[in-house]
C-alpha atoms as a PDB file:
ATOM      1  CA  UNK A   1       0.000   0.000   0.000  1.00  0.00           C
ATOM      2  CA  UNK A   2       2.824   2.399   0.869  1.00  0.00           C
ATOM      3  CA  UNK A   3       4.463   1.748  -2.490  1.00  0.00           C
ATOM      4  CA  UNK A   4       1.220   2.537  -4.325  1.00  0.00           C
ATOM      5  CA  UNK A   5       0.764   5.828  -2.481  1.00  0.00           C
ATOM      6  CA  UNK A   6       4.409   6.750  -3.055  1.00  0.00           C
ATOM      7  CA  UNK A   7       4.101   5.904  -6.751  1.00  0.00           C
ATOM      8  CA  UNK A   8       0.957   8.052  -7.129  1.00  0.00           C
ATOM      9  CA  UNK A   9       2.637  10.992  -5.391  1.00  0.00           C
ATOM     10  CA  UNK A  10       5.684  10.672  -7.629  1.00  0.00           C
ATOM     11  CA  UNK A  11       3.519  10.480 -10.773  1.00  0.00           C
ATOM     12  CA  UNK A  12       1.568  13.587  -9.723  1.00  0.00           C
ATOM     13  CA  UNK A  13       4.840  15.437  -9.147  1.00  0.00           C
ATOM     14  CA  UNK A  14       6.147  14.517 -12.574  1.00  0.00           C
ATOM     15  CA  UNK A  15       2.947  15.657 -14.265  1.00  0.00           C
ATOM     16  CA  UNK A  16       3.028  19.014 -12.506  1.00  0.00           C
ATOM     17  CA  UNK A  17       6.714  19.588 -13.361  1.00  0.00           C
ATOM     18  CA  UNK A  18       6.166  20.549 -16.952  1.00  0.00           C
ATOM     19  CA  UNK A  19       8.759  22.248 -19.147  1.00  0.00           C
ATOM     20  CA  UNK A  20       6.112  24.499 -20.647  1.00  0.00           C
ATOM     21  CA  UNK A  21       5.597  28.172 -19.983  1.00  0.00           C
ATOM     22  CA  UNK A  22       2.806  28.505 -17.437  1.00  0.00           C
ATOM     23  CA  UNK A  23       0.723  31.298 -15.966  1.00  0.00           C
ATOM     24  CA  UNK A  24       1.816  32.543 -12.541  1.00  0.00           C
ATOM     25  CA  UNK A  25      -0.145  35.686 -11.701  1.00  0.00           C
ATOM     26  CA  UNK A  26      -2.150  38.647 -12.963  1.00  0.00           C
ATOM     27  CA  UNK A  27      -1.856  42.120 -11.426  1.00  0.00           C
ATOM     28  CA  UNK A  28      -4.430  44.645 -12.591  1.00  0.00           C
ATOM     29  CA  UNK A  29      -3.762  47.763 -10.483  1.00  0.00           C
ATOM     30  CA  UNK A  30      -2.420  50.412 -12.903  1.00  0.00           C
ATOM     31  CA  UNK A  31      -2.068  48.194 -15.964  1.00  0.00           C
ATOM     32  CA  UNK A  32      -2.696  44.532 -16.720  1.00  0.00           C
ATOM     33  CA  UNK A  33       0.558  42.809 -15.744  1.00  0.00           C
ATOM     34  CA  UNK A  34       0.915  39.094 -16.401  1.00  0.00           C
ATOM     35  CA  UNK A  35       3.715  36.963 -14.951  1.00  0.00           C
ATOM     36  CA  UNK A  36       4.682  33.631 -16.509  1.00  0.00           C
ATOM     37  CA  UNK A  37       7.177  30.984 -15.341  1.00  0.00           C
ATOM     38  CA  UNK A  38       9.308  28.570 -17.395  1.00  0.00           C
ATOM     39  CA  UNK A  39      11.127  26.033 -15.182  1.00  0.00           C
ATOM     40  CA  UNK A  40      13.409  24.692 -17.904  1.00  0.00           C
ATOM     41  CA  UNK A  41      14.433  27.756 -19.877  1.00  0.00           C
ATOM     42  CA  UNK A  42      17.408  27.884 -22.170  1.00  0.00           C
ATOM     43  CA  UNK A  43      20.195  30.292 -21.295  1.00  0.00           C
ATOM     44  CA  UNK A  44      19.159  32.685 -24.054  1.00  0.00           C
ATOM     45  CA  UNK A  45      15.526  33.831 -24.186  1.00  0.00           C
ATOM     46  CA  UNK A  46      14.263  36.286 -26.782  1.00  0.00           C
ATOM     47  CA  UNK A  47      10.613  37.362 -26.821  1.00  0.00           C
ATOM     48  CA  UNK A  48       9.927  39.164 -30.079  1.00  0.00           C
ATOM     49  CA  UNK A  49       6.150  39.544 -29.773  1.00  0.00           C
ATOM     50  CA  UNK A  50       3.468  39.303 -27.079  1.00  0.00           C
ATOM     51  CA  UNK A  51      -0.245  39.836 -27.692  1.00  0.00           C
ATOM     52  CA  UNK A  52      -2.990  39.560 -25.054  1.00  0.00           C
ATOM     53  CA  UNK A  53      -6.341  38.479 -26.506  1.00  0.00           C
ATOM     54  CA  UNK A  54      -9.363  39.509 -24.455  1.00  0.00           C
ATOM     55  CA  UNK A  55     -12.929  39.312 -25.743  1.00  0.00           C
ATOM     56  CA  UNK A  56     -11.757  38.613 -29.291  1.00  0.00           C
ATOM     57  CA  UNK A  57      -9.476  41.675 -29.551  1.00  0.00           C
ATOM     58  CA  UNK A  58      -5.689  41.622 -29.484  1.00  0.00           C
ATOM     59  CA  UNK A  59      -3.616  44.016 -27.392  1.00  0.00           C
ATOM     60  CA  UNK A  60       0.165  44.216 -27.968  1.00  0.00           C
ATOM     61  CA  UNK A  61       2.459  44.327 -24.951  1.00  0.00           C
ATOM     62  CA  UNK A  62       3.585  47.740 -23.750  1.00  0.00           C
ATOM     63  CA  UNK A  63       6.564  46.242 -21.945  1.00  0.00           C
ATOM     64  CA  UNK A  64       8.269  42.822 -21.948  1.00  0.00           C
ATOM     65  CA  UNK A  65      10.806  41.715 -19.336  1.00  0.00           C
ATOM     66  CA  UNK A  66      12.459  38.337 -18.912  1.00  0.00           C
ATOM     67  CA  UNK A  67      14.847  37.202 -16.191  1.00  0.00           C
ATOM     68  CA  UNK A  68      16.596  33.819 -16.228  1.00  0.00           C
ATOM     69  CA  UNK A  69      18.076  32.571 -12.946  1.00  0.00           C
ATOM     70  CA  UNK A  70      19.389  28.998 -12.594  1.00  0.00           C
ATOM     71  CA  UNK A  71      17.400  27.760 -15.600  1.00  0.00           C
ATOM     72  CA  UNK A  72      14.094  29.304 -14.435  1.00  0.00           C
ATOM     73  CA  UNK A  73      12.732  32.115 -16.609  1.00  0.00           C
ATOM     74  CA  UNK A  74      10.281  34.686 -15.286  1.00  0.00           C
ATOM     75  CA  UNK A  75       8.385  36.633 -17.947  1.00  0.00           C
ATOM     76  CA  UNK A  76       6.724  39.906 -16.952  1.00  0.00           C
ATOM     77  CA  UNK A  77       4.397  41.423 -19.541  1.00  0.00           C
ATOM     78  CA  UNK A  78       2.536  44.727 -19.295  1.00  0.00           C
ATOM     79  CA  UNK A  79      -0.616  45.480 -21.282  1.00  0.00           C
ATOM     80  CA  UNK A  80      -3.334  48.111 -21.394  1.00  0.00           C
ATOM     81  CA  UNK A  81      -5.476  47.903 -18.229  1.00  0.00           C
ATOM     82  CA  UNK A  82      -8.555  45.711 -18.602  1.00  0.00           C
ATOM     83  CA  UNK A  83     -11.563  45.611 -16.288  1.00  0.00           C
ATOM     84  CA  UNK A  84     -13.338  42.601 -17.808  1.00  0.00           C
ATOM     85  CA  UNK A  85     -11.651  39.320 -18.742  1.00  0.00           C
ATOM     86  CA  UNK A  86     -13.375  37.067 -21.286  1.00  0.00           C
ATOM     87  CA  UNK A  87     -11.766  34.252 -23.298  1.00  0.00           C
ATOM     88  CA  UNK A  88      -8.264  35.495 -22.424  1.00  0.00           C
ATOM     89  CA  UNK A  89      -5.277  34.035 -24.218  1.00  0.00           C
ATOM     90  CA  UNK A  90      -1.685  35.151 -24.478  1.00  0.00           C
ATOM     91  CA  UNK A  91       0.344  34.629 -27.645  1.00  0.00           C
ATOM     92  CA  UNK A  92       4.135  34.853 -27.364  1.00  0.00           C
ATOM     93  CA  UNK A  93       6.968  34.431 -29.838  1.00  0.00           C
ATOM     94  CA  UNK A  94       9.771  32.935 -27.746  1.00  0.00           C
ATOM     95  CA  UNK A  95      13.010  32.259 -29.642  1.00  0.00           C
ATOM     96  CA  UNK A  96      11.000  32.302 -32.883  1.00  0.00           C
ATOM     97  CA  UNK A  97       8.439  29.728 -31.699  1.00  0.00           C
ATOM     98  CA  UNK A  98       4.809  30.634 -31.087  1.00  0.00           C
ATOM     99  CA  UNK A  99       3.466  29.798 -27.624  1.00  0.00           C
ATOM    100  CA  UNK A 100      -0.187  30.201 -26.639  1.00  0.00           C
ATOM    101  CA  UNK A 101      -1.135  30.306 -22.962  1.00  0.00           C
ATOM    102  CA  UNK A 102      -4.809  30.030 -21.960  1.00  0.00           C
ATOM    103  CA  UNK A 103      -5.054  32.718 -19.281  1.00  0.00           C
ATOM    104  CA  UNK A 104      -8.809  32.292 -18.819  1.00  0.00           C
ATOM    105  CA  UNK A 105      -8.409  28.627 -17.906  1.00  0.00           C
ATOM    106  CA  UNK A 106      -5.702  29.505 -15.370  1.00  0.00           C
ATOM    107  CA  UNK A 107      -7.854  32.243 -13.817  1.00  0.00           C
ATOM    108  CA  UNK A 108     -10.857  29.926 -13.460  1.00  0.00           C
ATOM    109  CA  UNK A 109      -8.793  27.190 -11.777  1.00  0.00           C
ATOM    110  CA  UNK A 110      -7.440  29.502  -9.045  1.00  0.00           C
END
């Protein structure tokens, strides 16, 4: 029984430790600021485009910041302030590859 419980805990840990960029937080005080985390980032990260889609409209990022410390990248993106969030997605071009993060799904599951 102990081995089964240990195995299930280990499997859950592996599933949660994804190498994908994931949503961390949203701050909406003066502007809409979104923070993302990438646990297995390369040493060189270049974000060439970031667009926040809310209610079917796209809003380009006003400011993009990325810090990489010990293989963990923290992306901080600033957009025009929004008061209503509907069908929110974030499209990024990271090192030339398009990444889409479903912000709405992350907000609902909090």
